[in-house]
Amino acid sequence: MTEIPHGLIKGVVLKRHDWTDRLFSLFVEAPINAYQAGQFTKLALLNDKGDWIRRAYSIVNNPDHIEGRERMEFLIIADQSGELSPCLQKLNAGDEVFVGKDASGFMTIDEIPQGVEDLWLLSTGTAIGPFISILETPELEMRFKNLVLVHAVRTESELIYQQRIEQLSKRYNKRFHYVPIVSREYVSGALCGRIPSLLLNGELEKRAELQLSKASSFLYICGNPNMVKDTSDALKEFGFEKHLRRKLGQFSSENYW
């Protein structure tokens, strides 16, 4: 048996759910340490050459849910040029997979400055995963007046988690604002374009029926690096500043590869 690298533990696949031919959720059971909503850990496998291949993936399910800490969901897009994701897509219930014992990441509720009233969560593709975890956190009901979930994808089939989003809408009622964006086809009820452009032209605020404010808004940006950079630049044009622990700001970001 090849020695398991430090920081990894053995897990088992509970099931796999295929959203599209490339987009899937992997449900894994592994005794990882306590984590916070919005954090990520690693998934790893041995390849045919006996080398470990590993990559970080956000944990979709909230740790406060029943069985939350040991039964995790990971939202994954299979990249045919990648080493790990095509192998993960082939896994089925009962298969072995290795998981990072400790989660990481600063995109959590605890990092949001006190006094924020409106939380904006801007995502592309699979980056909606950690935002679902954050939105299902019980304390959000007491802390924020408005919650905005923006999810930008290429096609309608990638607008996933509709049942959970409907549950969030019922839970938060008028305080919850869901803004789907589809770039490559027309979808009724969805915006078309890129998040940075829709911010700059005011369409995002119009659809969310909520105005951005340096005094009361905070934004998490998560997704592909181009979107993160361009959205950050757009917010800076509005006078928003990047949030740092040593200097409070109005937005923070995490690249998703």
Protein backbone atom coordinates (compact mmCIF):
# COMPACT_ATOMS: atom_id res chain seq x y z
CA MET A 1 0.00 0.00 0.00
CA THR A 2 1.38 3.40 -0.98
CA GLU A 3 1.82 5.67 2.01
CA ILE A 4 -0.89 8.32 2.29
CA PRO A 5 0.62 11.82 2.15
CA HIS A 6 0.50 13.96 5.28
CA GLY A 7 -2.76 15.85 5.60
CA LEU A 8 -4.85 13.39 3.59
CA ILE A 9 -7.24 10.80 5.00
CA LYS A 10 -9.16 7.98 3.39
CA GLY A 11 -12.77 8.62 2.43
CA VAL A 12 -15.49 6.77 0.58
CA VAL A 13 -17.83 7.92 -2.16
CA LEU A 14 -21.48 7.80 -1.08
CA LYS A 15 -22.92 8.72 -4.48
CA ARG A 16 -22.39 10.86 -7.57
CA HIS A 17 -25.02 13.13 -9.07
CA ASP A 18 -24.58 14.19 -12.69
CA TRP A 19 -26.00 17.64 -13.51
CA THR A 20 -24.74 17.66 -17.11
CA ASP A 21 -22.29 15.55 -19.09
CA ARG A 22 -19.39 17.42 -17.44
CA LEU A 23 -20.84 18.94 -14.27
CA PHE A 24 -21.38 16.67 -11.28
CA SER A 25 -21.61 16.51 -7.49
CA LEU A 26 -19.55 13.99 -5.56
CA PHE A 27 -20.79 13.02 -2.10
CA VAL A 28 -18.01 11.78 0.14
CA GLU A 29 -17.80 10.50 3.69
CA ALA A 30 -14.56 11.18 5.55
CA PRO A 31 -13.78 12.18 9.18
CA ILE A 32 -12.29 15.61 8.45
CA ASN A 33 -11.81 18.24 11.15
CA ALA A 34 -14.39 20.95 11.82
CA TYR A 35 -14.75 23.51 9.04
CA GLN A 36 -16.71 26.68 8.30
CA ALA A 37 -19.22 27.31 5.54
CA GLY A 38 -17.41 28.65 2.49
CA GLN A 39 -14.16 26.77 3.07
CA PHE A 40 -12.46 24.21 0.84
CA THR A 41 -10.36 21.10 1.22
CA LYS A 42 -8.49 18.75 -1.12
CA LEU A 43 -9.58 15.66 -3.00
CA ALA A 44 -6.86 13.27 -4.12
CA LEU A 45 -6.32 9.99 -5.98
CA LEU A 46 -3.39 7.86 -7.04
CA ASN A 47 -2.83 7.81 -10.79
CA ASP A 48 -1.70 4.83 -12.87
CA LYS A 49 1.94 5.77 -12.34
CA GLY A 50 1.57 5.69 -8.58
CA ASP A 51 1.70 9.47 -8.24
CA TRP A 52 -0.72 11.44 -6.10
CA ILE A 53 -2.91 13.92 -7.92
CA ARG A 54 -4.83 16.39 -5.81
CA ARG A 55 -6.82 19.59 -6.07
CA ALA A 56 -8.79 21.91 -3.79
CA TYR A 57 -12.60 21.86 -3.95
CA SER A 58 -15.11 23.81 -1.87
CA ILE A 59 -17.46 21.96 0.44
CA VAL A 60 -21.04 22.62 -0.64
CA ASN A 61 -22.95 21.39 2.39
CA ASN A 62 -23.15 23.43 5.58
CA PRO A 63 -21.29 21.97 8.58
CA ASP A 64 -24.26 22.71 10.84
CA HIS A 65 -26.47 20.28 8.95
CA ILE A 66 -27.12 16.78 10.25
CA GLU A 67 -24.11 14.58 9.41
CA GLY A 68 -22.55 17.75 7.96
CA ARG A 69 -18.97 17.33 9.05
CA GLU A 70 -18.34 13.85 7.77
CA ARG A 71 -20.66 13.71 4.76
CA MET A 72 -19.58 16.31 2.25
CA GLU A 73 -20.67 17.40 -1.20
CA PHE A 74 -18.19 18.68 -3.79
CA LEU A 75 -19.34 20.38 -7.00
CA ILE A 76 -16.95 19.56 -9.85
CA ILE A 77 -16.57 20.31 -13.54
CA ALA A 78 -14.74 17.59 -15.46
CA ASP A 79 -11.88 19.17 -17.42
CA GLN A 80 -10.83 16.65 -20.06
CA SER A 81 -7.34 18.16 -20.11
CA GLY A 82 -7.05 17.85 -16.34
CA GLU A 83 -5.55 14.96 -14.40
CA LEU A 84 -7.93 14.66 -11.47
CA SER A 85 -11.46 15.76 -12.38
CA PRO A 86 -12.03 13.15 -15.16
CA CYS A 87 -10.99 10.45 -12.68
CA LEU A 88 -13.33 11.83 -10.02
CA GLN A 89 -16.18 11.73 -12.53
CA LYS A 90 -15.70 7.99 -12.93
CA LEU A 91 -16.11 7.28 -9.21
CA ASN A 92 -19.23 5.56 -7.94
CA ALA A 93 -20.70 4.67 -4.54
CA GLY A 94 -18.25 2.61 -2.51
CA ASP A 95 -15.14 3.82 -4.31
CA GLU A 96 -12.18 5.12 -2.35
CA VAL A 97 -11.11 8.77 -2.48
CA PHE A 98 -8.73 10.74 -0.31
CA VAL A 99 -9.68 13.99 1.40
CA GLY A 100 -7.74 16.78 3.08
CA LYS A 101 -8.24 16.45 6.84
CA ASP A 102 -8.20 20.22 7.40
CA ALA A 103 -10.27 22.73 5.47
CA SER A 104 -8.90 26.16 4.51
CA GLY A 105 -10.09 29.49 3.16
CA PHE A 106 -11.10 32.94 4.37
CA MET A 107 -14.36 33.27 2.42
CA THR A 108 -16.47 32.80 5.54
CA ILE A 109 -19.08 34.75 7.48
CA ASP A 110 -16.58 35.48 10.26
CA GLU A 111 -14.44 37.50 7.85
CA ILE A 112 -17.27 39.90 6.95
CA PRO A 113 -17.00 43.22 8.82
CA GLN A 114 -19.61 43.98 11.45
CA GLY A 115 -22.26 46.48 10.42
CA VAL A 116 -22.79 45.03 6.93
CA GLU A 117 -26.48 44.87 6.06
CA ASP A 118 -26.44 43.53 2.49
CA LEU A 119 -24.35 40.50 1.51
CA TRP A 120 -23.73 40.02 -2.22
CA LEU A 121 -22.42 36.64 -3.42
CA LEU A 122 -21.16 36.80 -7.02
CA SER A 123 -20.24 33.48 -8.64
CA THR A 124 -19.49 31.82 -11.95
CA GLY A 125 -19.90 28.11 -12.68
CA THR A 126 -19.04 25.73 -9.85
CA ALA A 127 -18.16 28.65 -7.56
CA ILE A 128 -21.81 28.72 -6.51
CA GLY A 129 -20.98 25.74 -4.27
CA PRO A 130 -19.43 27.57 -1.29
CA PHE A 131 -22.14 30.24 -1.51
CA ILE A 132 -24.85 27.61 -1.09
CA SER A 133 -23.04 26.49 2.07
CA ILE A 134 -22.86 30.07 3.35
CA LEU A 135 -26.52 30.79 2.59
CA GLU A 136 -27.64 27.71 4.51
CA THR A 137 -25.92 29.01 7.68
CA PRO A 138 -28.53 29.60 10.44
CA GLU A 139 -27.01 32.86 11.74
CA LEU A 140 -27.56 34.67 8.43
CA GLU A 141 -31.20 35.17 9.35
CA MET A 142 -30.17 37.40 12.26
CA ARG A 143 -27.17 39.16 10.72
CA PHE A 144 -28.12 40.54 7.27
CA LYS A 145 -31.07 42.48 5.92
CA ASN A 146 -30.56 41.34 2.32
CA LEU A 147 -28.83 38.39 0.65
CA VAL A 148 -28.03 38.46 -3.06
CA LEU A 149 -26.92 35.33 -4.93
CA VAL A 150 -25.60 35.93 -8.44
CA HIS A 151 -24.78 32.87 -10.57
CA ALA A 152 -23.31 33.31 -14.04
CA VAL A 153 -23.09 30.32 -16.41
CA ARG A 154 -22.91 29.62 -20.12
CA THR A 155 -26.10 27.58 -20.60
CA GLU A 156 -29.40 27.10 -18.79
CA SER A 157 -28.51 23.50 -17.89
CA GLU A 158 -25.76 24.85 -15.65
CA LEU A 159 -28.21 26.82 -13.48
CA ILE A 160 -28.15 24.11 -10.83
CA TYR A 161 -29.39 23.83 -7.22
CA GLN A 162 -32.77 25.26 -8.19
CA GLN A 163 -34.55 23.28 -5.46
CA ARG A 164 -32.17 24.53 -2.77
CA ILE A 165 -32.43 28.08 -4.11
CA GLU A 166 -36.22 27.83 -3.92
CA GLN A 167 -35.89 26.70 -0.28
CA LEU A 168 -33.62 29.67 0.44
CA SER A 169 -36.16 31.97 -1.17
CA LYS A 170 -38.93 30.62 1.08
CA ARG A 171 -36.68 30.83 4.13
CA TYR A 172 -35.54 34.43 3.64
CA ASN A 173 -38.60 35.62 1.72
CA LYS A 174 -38.16 39.14 0.28
CA ARG A 175 -34.70 39.43 1.80
CA PHE A 176 -33.30 36.90 -0.70
CA HIS A 177 -32.49 38.01 -4.24
CA TYR A 178 -31.42 35.39 -6.82
CA VAL A 179 -29.94 36.69 -10.07
CA PRO A 180 -29.15 34.06 -12.74
CA ILE A 181 -26.97 35.10 -15.69
CA VAL A 182 -26.61 33.02 -18.87
CA SER A 183 -24.09 34.11 -21.49
CA ARG A 184 -24.52 31.76 -24.47
CA GLU A 185 -28.26 31.39 -24.89
CA TYR A 186 -31.44 33.30 -24.16
CA VAL A 187 -33.18 32.19 -20.98
CA SER A 188 -36.38 33.84 -19.80
CA GLY A 189 -35.88 35.51 -16.43
CA ALA A 190 -32.08 35.48 -16.63
CA LEU A 191 -29.72 38.31 -17.43
CA CYS A 192 -27.29 37.96 -20.34
CA GLY A 193 -23.65 39.03 -20.25
CA ARG A 194 -20.78 39.16 -17.78
CA ILE A 195 -20.95 40.11 -14.11
CA PRO A 196 -18.50 43.07 -14.40
CA SER A 197 -20.42 44.64 -17.28
CA LEU A 198 -23.76 44.13 -15.55
CA LEU A 199 -22.35 45.82 -12.46
CA LEU A 200 -21.06 48.81 -14.39
CA ASN A 201 -24.26 49.37 -16.38
CA GLY A 202 -26.49 49.01 -13.31
CA GLU A 203 -28.40 45.95 -14.57
CA LEU A 204 -27.29 43.80 -11.63
CA GLU A 205 -28.61 46.24 -9.04
CA LYS A 206 -31.80 46.71 -11.04
CA ARG A 207 -32.50 42.97 -11.21
CA ALA A 208 -31.65 42.46 -7.54
CA GLU A 209 -33.84 45.47 -6.67
CA LEU A 210 -31.09 46.55 -4.31
CA GLN A 211 -28.54 49.33 -4.48
CA LEU A 212 -24.87 48.80 -3.71
CA SER A 213 -23.59 50.94 -0.88
CA LYS A 214 -20.10 51.39 0.54
CA ALA A 215 -21.67 51.89 3.95
CA SER A 216 -23.88 48.80 4.07
CA SER A 217 -22.81 46.31 1.33
CA PHE A 218 -20.19 43.60 1.28
CA LEU A 219 -19.42 41.41 -1.74
CA TYR A 220 -17.76 38.02 -2.05
CA ILE A 221 -16.54 37.29 -5.59
CA CYS A 222 -15.77 33.70 -6.50
CA GLY A 223 -15.12 32.09 -9.87
CA ASN A 224 -12.80 32.19 -12.83
CA PRO A 225 -9.82 34.54 -12.46
CA ASN A 226 -10.84 36.86 -15.32
CA MET A 227 -14.26 37.46 -13.78
CA VAL A 228 -12.74 38.01 -10.35
CA LYS A 229 -10.23 40.56 -11.67
CA ASP A 230 -12.70 42.42 -13.88
CA THR A 231 -15.37 42.51 -11.17
CA SER A 232 -12.83 43.76 -8.63
CA ASP A 233 -11.84 46.52 -11.07
CA ALA A 234 -15.49 47.44 -11.61
CA LEU A 235 -16.06 47.75 -7.86
CA LYS A 236 -12.96 49.90 -7.51
CA GLU A 237 -14.48 52.25 -10.10
CA PHE A 238 -17.39 52.63 -7.67
CA GLY A 239 -14.93 53.52 -4.91
CA PHE A 240 -15.13 50.14 -3.17
CA GLU A 241 -11.95 48.77 -1.58
CA LYS A 242 -10.63 45.23 -1.22
CA HIS A 243 -11.16 43.88 2.27
CA LEU A 244 -8.06 42.98 4.29
CA ARG A 245 -7.76 41.97 7.91
CA ARG A 246 -5.51 44.95 8.54
CA LYS A 247 -7.74 47.32 6.55
CA LEU A 248 -11.49 46.89 6.26
CA GLY A 249 -13.06 47.04 2.80
CA GLN A 250 -16.24 46.21 0.94
CA PHE A 251 -15.29 43.15 -1.11
CA SER A 252 -13.14 40.05 -1.06
CA SER A 253 -12.52 37.35 -3.65
CA GLU A 254 -11.35 33.82 -4.31
CA ASN A 255 -10.18 32.44 -7.65
CA TYR A 256 -11.66 29.08 -8.50
CA TRP A 257 -8.66 27.60 -10.25
